[in-house]
Amino acid sequence: MKEIKFFYTHWCKHCKKMLPQMQSLSNKGYNVNLIDADDYSSIADKYKIERIPTFVLEDKGFEVQRWNGRTEPDEVIKKLTYTKR
């Protein structure tokens, strides 16, 4: 199952704009995990997060893609639902 980990902080300008959108996706049932990189620095360290915001896409527990910066909710949904043919 695909999952996106959204690493953010409360002091990040882009994160402040994206956090409500990512929370909404999570509340709608999309597999989006919100991780405050300051509050959960051990998880951020494990994933070697160097920039905020960072998205990590995993499939069956393995990282398949990572990207930084502002991302629209539609793009997150595409990444979660895309299947190679």
N, C-alpha and C. Protein backbone atom coordinates (compact mmCIF):
# COMPACT_ATOMS: atom_id res chain seq x y z
N MET A 1 0.84 -1.18 0.00
CA MET A 1 0.00 0.00 0.00
C MET A 1 0.89 1.25 0.00
N LYS A 2 0.52 2.22 -0.83
CA LYS A 2 1.30 3.45 -0.91
C LYS A 2 0.97 4.38 0.26
N GLU A 3 1.99 5.09 0.68
CA GLU A 3 1.86 6.01 1.81
C GLU A 3 2.78 7.20 1.57
N ILE A 4 2.33 8.37 1.96
CA ILE A 4 3.17 9.56 1.88
C ILE A 4 3.41 10.07 3.29
N LYS A 5 4.68 10.31 3.58
CA LYS A 5 5.06 10.95 4.83
C LYS A 5 5.34 12.42 4.49
N PHE A 6 4.62 13.31 5.14
CA PHE A 6 4.78 14.75 4.93
C PHE A 6 5.52 15.31 6.13
N PHE A 7 6.78 15.68 5.92
CA PHE A 7 7.61 16.27 6.98
C PHE A 7 7.49 17.79 6.90
N TYR A 8 7.12 18.40 8.01
CA TYR A 8 6.89 19.84 8.06
C TYR A 8 7.38 20.38 9.40
N THR A 9 7.38 21.71 9.51
CA THR A 9 7.59 22.39 10.79
C THR A 9 6.59 23.54 10.85
N HIS A 10 6.34 24.02 12.04
CA HIS A 10 5.39 25.12 12.20
C HIS A 10 5.98 26.47 11.82
N TRP A 11 7.30 26.56 11.72
CA TRP A 11 7.91 27.84 11.36
C TRP A 11 8.10 27.99 9.84
N CYS A 12 7.86 26.94 9.09
CA CYS A 12 8.05 26.94 7.63
C CYS A 12 6.85 27.58 6.93
N LYS A 13 7.11 28.61 6.13
CA LYS A 13 6.04 29.36 5.45
C LYS A 13 5.22 28.46 4.52
N HIS A 14 5.87 27.66 3.69
CA HIS A 14 5.15 26.77 2.78
C HIS A 14 4.38 25.70 3.55
N CYS A 15 4.98 25.22 4.63
CA CYS A 15 4.31 24.18 5.43
C CYS A 15 3.01 24.70 6.03
N LYS A 16 3.03 25.94 6.49
CA LYS A 16 1.82 26.53 7.09
C LYS A 16 0.68 26.55 6.10
N LYS A 17 0.99 26.78 4.82
CA LYS A 17 -0.04 26.81 3.80
C LYS A 17 -0.51 25.40 3.44
N MET A 18 0.42 24.44 3.45
CA MET A 18 0.11 23.09 3.00
C MET A 18 -0.46 22.20 4.09
N LEU A 19 -0.16 22.46 5.34
CA LEU A 19 -0.58 21.58 6.43
C LEU A 19 -2.09 21.34 6.46
N PRO A 20 -2.93 22.37 6.39
CA PRO A 20 -4.38 22.11 6.39
C PRO A 20 -4.82 21.24 5.21
N GLN A 21 -4.18 21.43 4.05
CA GLN A 21 -4.52 20.64 2.87
C GLN A 21 -4.14 19.17 3.07
N MET A 22 -2.96 18.93 3.64
CA MET A 22 -2.52 17.56 3.88
C MET A 22 -3.36 16.90 4.97
N GLN A 23 -3.75 17.68 5.98
CA GLN A 23 -4.64 17.15 7.02
C GLN A 23 -5.98 16.75 6.42
N SER A 24 -6.48 17.55 5.50
CA SER A 24 -7.74 17.26 4.83
C SER A 24 -7.65 15.95 4.04
N LEU A 25 -6.54 15.75 3.31
CA LEU A 25 -6.36 14.50 2.57
C LEU A 25 -6.36 13.30 3.52
N SER A 26 -5.64 13.46 4.62
CA SER A 26 -5.58 12.38 5.61
C SER A 26 -6.97 12.08 6.18
N ASN A 27 -7.72 13.13 6.49
CA ASN A 27 -9.07 12.97 7.03
C ASN A 27 -10.02 12.33 6.03
N LYS A 28 -9.73 12.51 4.73
CA LYS A 28 -10.57 11.91 3.68
C LYS A 28 -10.20 10.45 3.41
N GLY A 29 -9.20 9.95 4.12
CA GLY A 29 -8.84 8.54 3.97
C GLY A 29 -7.60 8.27 3.14
N TYR A 30 -6.98 9.31 2.60
CA TYR A 30 -5.73 9.10 1.87
C TYR A 30 -4.63 8.80 2.88
N ASN A 31 -3.70 7.95 2.49
CA ASN A 31 -2.65 7.51 3.40
C ASN A 31 -1.52 8.55 3.45
N VAL A 32 -1.80 9.65 4.16
CA VAL A 32 -0.85 10.74 4.33
C VAL A 32 -0.55 10.87 5.82
N ASN A 33 0.70 10.68 6.17
CA ASN A 33 1.12 10.82 7.57
C ASN A 33 1.82 12.16 7.75
N LEU A 34 1.38 12.93 8.72
CA LEU A 34 1.94 14.25 9.00
C LEU A 34 2.96 14.12 10.11
N ILE A 35 4.20 14.54 9.84
CA ILE A 35 5.27 14.39 10.81
C ILE A 35 5.95 15.72 11.03
N ASP A 36 5.80 16.28 12.22
CA ASP A 36 6.49 17.52 12.58
C ASP A 36 7.96 17.18 12.82
N ALA A 37 8.82 17.69 11.95
CA ALA A 37 10.24 17.35 12.01
C ALA A 37 10.93 17.86 13.27
N ASP A 38 10.37 18.89 13.91
CA ASP A 38 10.92 19.37 15.18
C ASP A 38 10.49 18.48 16.33
N ASP A 39 9.21 18.15 16.38
CA ASP A 39 8.69 17.32 17.48
C ASP A 39 9.13 15.87 17.37
N TYR A 40 9.34 15.39 16.16
CA TYR A 40 9.73 13.99 15.93
C TYR A 40 11.06 13.95 15.18
N SER A 41 12.06 14.59 15.77
CA SER A 41 13.37 14.70 15.12
C SER A 41 14.02 13.33 14.90
N SER A 42 13.72 12.36 15.74
CA SER A 42 14.32 11.02 15.54
C SER A 42 13.80 10.39 14.24
N ILE A 43 12.54 10.61 13.92
CA ILE A 43 11.99 10.10 12.66
C ILE A 43 12.58 10.89 11.48
N ALA A 44 12.67 12.20 11.63
CA ALA A 44 13.27 13.03 10.58
C ALA A 44 14.72 12.62 10.35
N ASP A 45 15.44 12.32 11.41
CA ASP A 45 16.83 11.86 11.28
C ASP A 45 16.89 10.52 10.56
N LYS A 46 15.99 9.61 10.92
CA LYS A 46 15.96 8.29 10.28
C LYS A 46 15.78 8.41 8.77
N TYR A 47 14.94 9.37 8.35
CA TYR A 47 14.68 9.58 6.93
C TYR A 47 15.64 10.59 6.30
N LYS A 48 16.61 11.05 7.09
CA LYS A 48 17.62 12.00 6.61
C LYS A 48 16.99 13.24 5.96
N ILE A 49 16.04 13.82 6.68
CA ILE A 49 15.35 15.02 6.19
C ILE A 49 16.28 16.22 6.36
N GLU A 50 16.58 16.86 5.23
CA GLU A 50 17.48 18.02 5.24
C GLU A 50 16.77 19.31 4.86
N ARG A 51 15.63 19.19 4.18
CA ARG A 51 14.87 20.37 3.76
C ARG A 51 13.42 20.18 4.16
N ILE A 52 12.77 21.29 4.38
CA ILE A 52 11.36 21.29 4.78
C ILE A 52 10.60 22.19 3.82
N PRO A 53 9.45 21.81 3.33
CA PRO A 53 8.78 20.53 3.53
C PRO A 53 9.37 19.44 2.64
N THR A 54 9.29 18.21 3.11
CA THR A 54 9.73 17.05 2.35
C THR A 54 8.61 16.02 2.34
N PHE A 55 8.40 15.44 1.18
CA PHE A 55 7.44 14.35 1.01
C PHE A 55 8.22 13.08 0.70
N VAL A 56 7.87 11.98 1.37
CA VAL A 56 8.47 10.69 1.09
C VAL A 56 7.33 9.74 0.71
N LEU A 57 7.41 9.22 -0.51
CA LEU A 57 6.42 8.26 -0.99
C LEU A 57 6.98 6.86 -0.78
N GLU A 58 6.21 6.02 -0.08
CA GLU A 58 6.61 4.64 0.15
C GLU A 58 5.56 3.71 -0.44
N ASP A 59 6.02 2.58 -0.93
CA ASP A 59 5.14 1.53 -1.43
C ASP A 59 5.55 0.23 -0.75
N LYS A 60 4.65 -0.34 0.01
CA LYS A 60 4.90 -1.57 0.77
C LYS A 60 6.11 -1.42 1.69
N GLY A 61 6.25 -0.21 2.26
CA GLY A 61 7.31 0.05 3.24
C GLY A 61 8.64 0.46 2.66
N PHE A 62 8.76 0.54 1.34
CA PHE A 62 10.01 0.93 0.70
C PHE A 62 9.86 2.30 0.06
N GLU A 63 10.86 3.15 0.27
CA GLU A 63 10.83 4.47 -0.34
C GLU A 63 10.98 4.35 -1.85
N VAL A 64 10.06 4.99 -2.58
CA VAL A 64 10.12 4.96 -4.04
C VAL A 64 10.32 6.35 -4.64
N GLN A 65 10.05 7.38 -3.85
CA GLN A 65 10.24 8.74 -4.35
C GLN A 65 10.29 9.71 -3.18
N ARG A 66 10.99 10.81 -3.40
CA ARG A 66 11.08 11.88 -2.40
C ARG A 66 11.17 13.20 -3.13
N TRP A 67 10.52 14.23 -2.57
CA TRP A 67 10.62 15.56 -3.16
C TRP A 67 10.40 16.60 -2.08
N ASN A 68 10.84 17.81 -2.40
CA ASN A 68 10.75 18.94 -1.48
C ASN A 68 9.92 20.04 -2.10
N GLY A 69 9.39 20.88 -1.23
CA GLY A 69 8.73 22.09 -1.70
C GLY A 69 7.22 21.99 -1.76
N ARG A 70 6.64 23.12 -2.13
CA ARG A 70 5.18 23.24 -2.19
C ARG A 70 4.62 22.26 -3.20
N THR A 71 3.59 21.53 -2.78
CA THR A 71 2.95 20.52 -3.63
C THR A 71 1.44 20.62 -3.43
N GLU A 72 0.73 20.66 -4.53
CA GLU A 72 -0.73 20.75 -4.46
C GLU A 72 -1.34 19.41 -4.08
N PRO A 73 -2.48 19.42 -3.39
CA PRO A 73 -3.13 18.17 -2.99
C PRO A 73 -3.41 17.22 -4.15
N ASP A 74 -3.78 17.76 -5.31
CA ASP A 74 -4.05 16.89 -6.47
C ASP A 74 -2.82 16.08 -6.87
N GLU A 75 -1.65 16.69 -6.76
CA GLU A 75 -0.41 15.98 -7.10
C GLU A 75 -0.14 14.86 -6.10
N VAL A 76 -0.42 15.10 -4.84
CA VAL A 76 -0.25 14.07 -3.81
C VAL A 76 -1.19 12.89 -4.10
N ILE A 77 -2.44 13.19 -4.44
CA ILE A 77 -3.41 12.13 -4.76
C ILE A 77 -2.94 11.32 -5.96
N LYS A 78 -2.42 12.00 -6.99
CA LYS A 78 -1.91 11.28 -8.18
C LYS A 78 -0.80 10.31 -7.80
N LYS A 79 0.11 10.76 -6.96
CA LYS A 79 1.22 9.90 -6.57
C LYS A 79 0.76 8.71 -5.75
N LEU A 80 -0.27 8.91 -4.95
CA LEU A 80 -0.79 7.80 -4.13
C LEU A 80 -1.59 6.79 -4.95
N THR A 81 -2.21 7.25 -6.02
CA THR A 81 -3.12 6.37 -6.76
C THR A 81 -2.55 5.88 -8.08
N TYR A 82 -1.40 6.40 -8.53
CA TYR A 82 -0.80 5.98 -9.80
C TYR A 82 -0.31 4.54 -9.69
N THR A 83 -0.60 3.77 -10.73
CA THR A 83 -0.13 2.40 -10.80
C THR A 83 0.57 2.19 -12.14
N LYS A 84 1.80 1.64 -12.10
CA LYS A 84 2.50 1.33 -13.35
C LYS A 84 1.77 0.23 -14.08
N ARG A 85 1.80 0.31 -15.37
CA ARG A 85 1.16 -0.73 -16.20
C ARG A 85 2.20 -1.55 -16.90
